[in-house]
């Protein structure tokens, strides 16, 4: 991926959290956003 591109990961309970951490480690120039479901709202 190129600098300035964004990676969005939906879900954090299964493999989403580790995938986001690994993506940031392998591609520090990419913006990583994790979206996870809460009981009342969505957290970014």
PDB file of N, CA and C in Angstrom:
ATOM      1  N   UNK A   1       0.836  -1.181   0.000  1.00  0.00           N
ATOM      2  CA  UNK A   1       0.000   0.000   0.000  1.00  0.00           C
ATOM      3  C   UNK A   1       0.878   1.241   0.000  1.00  0.00           C
ATOM      4  N   UNK A   2       0.335   2.319  -0.507  1.00  0.00           N
ATOM      5  CA  UNK A   2       1.086   3.556  -0.617  1.00  0.00           C
ATOM      6  C   UNK A   2       0.855   4.455   0.593  1.00  0.00           C
ATOM      7  N   UNK A   3       1.769   5.400   0.779  1.00  0.00           N
ATOM      8  CA  UNK A   3       1.646   6.345   1.875  1.00  0.00           C
ATOM      9  C   UNK A   3       0.365   7.159   1.725  1.00  0.00           C
ATOM     10  N   UNK A   4      -0.357   7.321   2.818  1.00  0.00           N
ATOM     11  CA  UNK A   4      -1.596   8.069   2.816  1.00  0.00           C
ATOM     12  C   UNK A   4      -2.827   7.222   2.596  1.00  0.00           C
ATOM     13  N   UNK A   5      -2.657   5.960   2.233  1.00  0.00           N
ATOM     14  CA  UNK A   5      -3.815   5.086   2.051  1.00  0.00           C
ATOM     15  C   UNK A   5      -4.329   4.636   3.407  1.00  0.00           C
ATOM     16  N   UNK A   6      -5.571   4.180   3.429  1.00  0.00           N
ATOM     17  CA  UNK A   6      -6.209   3.793   4.686  1.00  0.00           C
ATOM     18  C   UNK A   6      -6.632   2.338   4.637  1.00  0.00           C
ATOM     19  N   UNK A   7      -6.495   1.673   5.763  1.00  0.00           N
ATOM     20  CA  UNK A   7      -6.942   0.298   5.932  1.00  0.00           C
ATOM     21  C   UNK A   7      -7.978   0.296   7.045  1.00  0.00           C
ATOM     22  N   UNK A   8      -9.185  -0.192   6.760  1.00  0.00           N
ATOM     23  CA  UNK A   8     -10.254  -0.244   7.747  1.00  0.00           C
ATOM     24  C   UNK A   8     -10.504  -1.703   8.095  1.00  0.00           C
ATOM     25  N   UNK A   9     -10.467  -2.014   9.383  1.00  0.00           N
ATOM     26  CA  UNK A   9     -10.725  -3.362   9.871  1.00  0.00           C
ATOM     27  C   UNK A   9     -12.002  -3.311  10.697  1.00  0.00           C
ATOM     28  N   UNK A  10     -12.976  -4.129  10.316  1.00  0.00           N
ATOM     29  CA  UNK A  10     -14.254  -4.171  11.021  1.00  0.00           C
ATOM     30  C   UNK A  10     -14.246  -5.376  11.936  1.00  0.00           C
ATOM     31  N   UNK A  11     -14.432  -5.136  13.225  1.00  0.00           N
ATOM     32  CA  UNK A  11     -14.440  -6.214  14.210  1.00  0.00           C
ATOM     33  C   UNK A  11     -13.103  -6.310  14.911  1.00  0.00           C
ATOM     34  N   UNK A  12     -13.169  -6.571  16.200  1.00  0.00           N
ATOM     35  CA  UNK A  12     -11.932  -6.604  16.989  1.00  0.00           C
ATOM     36  C   UNK A  12     -11.871  -7.828  17.897  1.00  0.00           C
ATOM     37  N   UNK A  13     -12.957  -8.574  17.996  1.00  0.00           N
ATOM     38  CA  UNK A  13     -12.987  -9.666  18.962  1.00  0.00           C
ATOM     39  C   UNK A  13     -12.232 -10.906  18.493  1.00  0.00           C
ATOM     40  N   UNK A  14     -12.244 -11.182  17.202  1.00  0.00           N
ATOM     41  CA  UNK A  14     -11.552 -12.365  16.688  1.00  0.00           C
ATOM     42  C   UNK A  14     -10.130 -12.042  16.285  1.00  0.00           C
ATOM     43  N   UNK A  15      -9.898 -11.984  15.001  1.00  0.00           N
ATOM     44  CA  UNK A  15      -8.559 -11.710  14.479  1.00  0.00           C
ATOM     45  C   UNK A  15      -8.369 -10.246  14.107  1.00  0.00           C
ATOM     46  N   UNK A  16      -9.402  -9.418  14.279  1.00  0.00           N
ATOM     47  CA  UNK A  16      -9.316  -8.015  13.874  1.00  0.00           C
ATOM     48  C   UNK A  16      -8.280  -7.215  14.627  1.00  0.00           C
ATOM     49  N   UNK A  17      -8.232  -7.371  15.950  1.00  0.00           N
ATOM     50  CA  UNK A  17      -7.258  -6.638  16.764  1.00  0.00           C
ATOM     51  C   UNK A  17      -5.823  -6.988  16.420  1.00  0.00           C
ATOM     52  N   UNK A  18      -5.471  -8.285  16.417  1.00  0.00           N
ATOM     53  CA  UNK A  18      -4.114  -8.657  16.026  1.00  0.00           C
ATOM     54  C   UNK A  18      -3.781  -8.282  14.581  1.00  0.00           C
ATOM     55  N   UNK A  19      -4.778  -8.349  13.689  1.00  0.00           N
ATOM     56  CA  UNK A  19      -4.539  -7.969  12.294  1.00  0.00           C
ATOM     57  C   UNK A  19      -4.212  -6.482  12.194  1.00  0.00           C
ATOM     58  N   UNK A  20      -4.907  -5.657  12.972  1.00  0.00           N
ATOM     59  CA  UNK A  20      -4.638  -4.216  12.956  1.00  0.00           C
ATOM     60  C   UNK A  20      -3.241  -3.917  13.481  1.00  0.00           C
ATOM     61  N   UNK A  21      -2.847  -4.578  14.547  1.00  0.00           N
ATOM     62  CA  UNK A  21      -1.507  -4.349  15.106  1.00  0.00           C
ATOM     63  C   UNK A  21      -0.424  -4.807  14.133  1.00  0.00           C
ATOM     64  N   UNK A  22      -0.629  -5.958  13.488  1.00  0.00           N
ATOM     65  CA  UNK A  22       0.358  -6.467  12.536  1.00  0.00           C
ATOM     66  C   UNK A  22       0.430  -5.573  11.301  1.00  0.00           C
ATOM     67  N   UNK A  23      -0.719  -5.091  10.841  1.00  0.00           N
ATOM     68  CA  UNK A  23      -0.731  -4.209   9.673  1.00  0.00           C
ATOM     69  C   UNK A  23       0.036  -2.925   9.965  1.00  0.00           C
ATOM     70  N   UNK A  24      -0.151  -2.359  11.147  1.00  0.00           N
ATOM     71  CA  UNK A  24       0.551  -1.126  11.507  1.00  0.00           C
ATOM     72  C   UNK A  24       2.047  -1.363  11.639  1.00  0.00           C
ATOM     73  N   UNK A  25       2.408  -2.540  12.129  1.00  0.00           N
ATOM     74  CA  UNK A  25       3.828  -2.867  12.275  1.00  0.00           C
ATOM     75  C   UNK A  25       4.483  -3.063  10.904  1.00  0.00           C
ATOM     76  N   UNK A  26       3.780  -3.740   9.985  1.00  0.00           N
ATOM     77  CA  UNK A  26       4.345  -4.014   8.666  1.00  0.00           C
ATOM     78  C   UNK A  26       4.265  -2.815   7.732  1.00  0.00           C
ATOM     79  N   UNK A  27       3.241  -1.975   7.901  1.00  0.00           N
ATOM     80  CA  UNK A  27       3.028  -0.825   7.017  1.00  0.00           C
ATOM     81  C   UNK A  27       2.802   0.434   7.841  1.00  0.00           C
ATOM     82  N   UNK A  28       3.845   0.989   8.469  1.00  0.00           N
ATOM     83  CA  UNK A  28       3.659   2.151   9.350  1.00  0.00           C
ATOM     84  C   UNK A  28       3.148   3.400   8.632  1.00  0.00           C
ATOM     85  N   UNK A  29       3.283   3.466   7.313  1.00  0.00           N
ATOM     86  CA  UNK A  29       2.836   4.643   6.578  1.00  0.00           C
ATOM     87  C   UNK A  29       1.342   4.628   6.284  1.00  0.00           C
ATOM     88  N   UNK A  30       0.660   3.516   6.550  1.00  0.00           N
ATOM     89  CA  UNK A  30      -0.762   3.369   6.263  1.00  0.00           C
ATOM     90  C   UNK A  30      -1.581   3.695   7.517  1.00  0.00           C
ATOM     91  N   UNK A  31      -2.677   4.428   7.337  1.00  0.00           N
ATOM     92  CA  UNK A  31      -3.589   4.720   8.446  1.00  0.00           C
ATOM     93  C   UNK A  31      -4.482   3.506   8.681  1.00  0.00           C
ATOM     94  N   UNK A  32      -4.454   2.957   9.887  1.00  0.00           N
ATOM     95  CA  UNK A  32      -5.258   1.787  10.235  1.00  0.00           C
ATOM     96  C   UNK A  32      -6.392   2.234  11.155  1.00  0.00           C
ATOM     97  N   UNK A  33      -7.626   1.902  10.784  1.00  0.00           N
ATOM     98  CA  UNK A  33      -8.802   2.221  11.584  1.00  0.00           C
ATOM     99  C   UNK A  33      -9.506   0.929  11.946  1.00  0.00           C
ATOM    100  N   UNK A  34      -9.806   0.749  13.224  1.00  0.00           N
ATOM    101  CA  UNK A  34     -10.545  -0.427  13.688  1.00  0.00           C
ATOM    102  C   UNK A  34     -11.935   0.032  14.111  1.00  0.00           C
ATOM    103  N   UNK A  35     -12.956  -0.604  13.560  1.00  0.00           N
ATOM    104  CA  UNK A  35     -14.338  -0.302  13.945  1.00  0.00           C
ATOM    105  C   UNK A  35     -14.868  -1.513  14.687  1.00  0.00           C
ATOM    106  N   UNK A  36     -15.313  -1.304  15.908  1.00  0.00           N
ATOM    107  CA  UNK A  36     -15.853  -2.408  16.699  1.00  0.00           C
ATOM    108  C   UNK A  36     -17.210  -2.029  17.263  1.00  0.00           C
ATOM    109  N   UNK A  37     -18.053  -3.009  17.418  1.00  0.00           N
ATOM    110  CA  UNK A  37     -19.423  -2.764  17.860  1.00  0.00           C
ATOM    111  C   UNK A  37     -19.485  -2.730  19.389  1.00  0.00           C
ATOM    112  N   UNK A  38     -20.137  -1.713  19.881  1.00  0.00           N
ATOM    113  CA  UNK A  38     -20.412  -1.590  21.308  1.00  0.00           C
ATOM    114  C   UNK A  38     -21.921  -1.725  21.499  1.00  0.00           C
ATOM    115  N   UNK A  39     -22.367  -1.791  22.726  1.00  0.00           N
ATOM    116  CA  UNK A  39     -23.794  -1.950  22.981  1.00  0.00           C
ATOM    117  C   UNK A  39     -24.605  -0.727  22.559  1.00  0.00           C
ATOM    118  N   UNK A  40     -24.035   0.464  22.663  1.00  0.00           N
ATOM    119  CA  UNK A  40     -24.802   1.678  22.372  1.00  0.00           C
ATOM    120  C   UNK A  40     -24.268   2.471  21.187  1.00  0.00           C
ATOM    121  N   UNK A  41     -23.036   2.253  20.784  1.00  0.00           N
ATOM    122  CA  UNK A  41     -22.452   3.079  19.737  1.00  0.00           C
ATOM    123  C   UNK A  41     -21.304   2.338  19.068  1.00  0.00           C
ATOM    124  N   UNK A  42     -20.795   2.896  17.980  1.00  0.00           N
ATOM    125  CA  UNK A  42     -19.647   2.325  17.269  1.00  0.00           C
ATOM    126  C   UNK A  42     -18.425   3.175  17.602  1.00  0.00           C
ATOM    127  N   UNK A  43     -17.327   2.539  17.973  1.00  0.00           N
ATOM    128  CA  UNK A  43     -16.097   3.223  18.360  1.00  0.00           C
ATOM    129  C   UNK A  43     -15.121   3.162  17.203  1.00  0.00           C
ATOM    130  N   UNK A  44     -14.488   4.269  16.947  1.00  0.00           N
ATOM    131  CA  UNK A  44     -13.467   4.278  15.894  1.00  0.00           C
ATOM    132  C   UNK A  44     -12.113   4.381  16.537  1.00  0.00           C
TER     133      UNK A  44
END
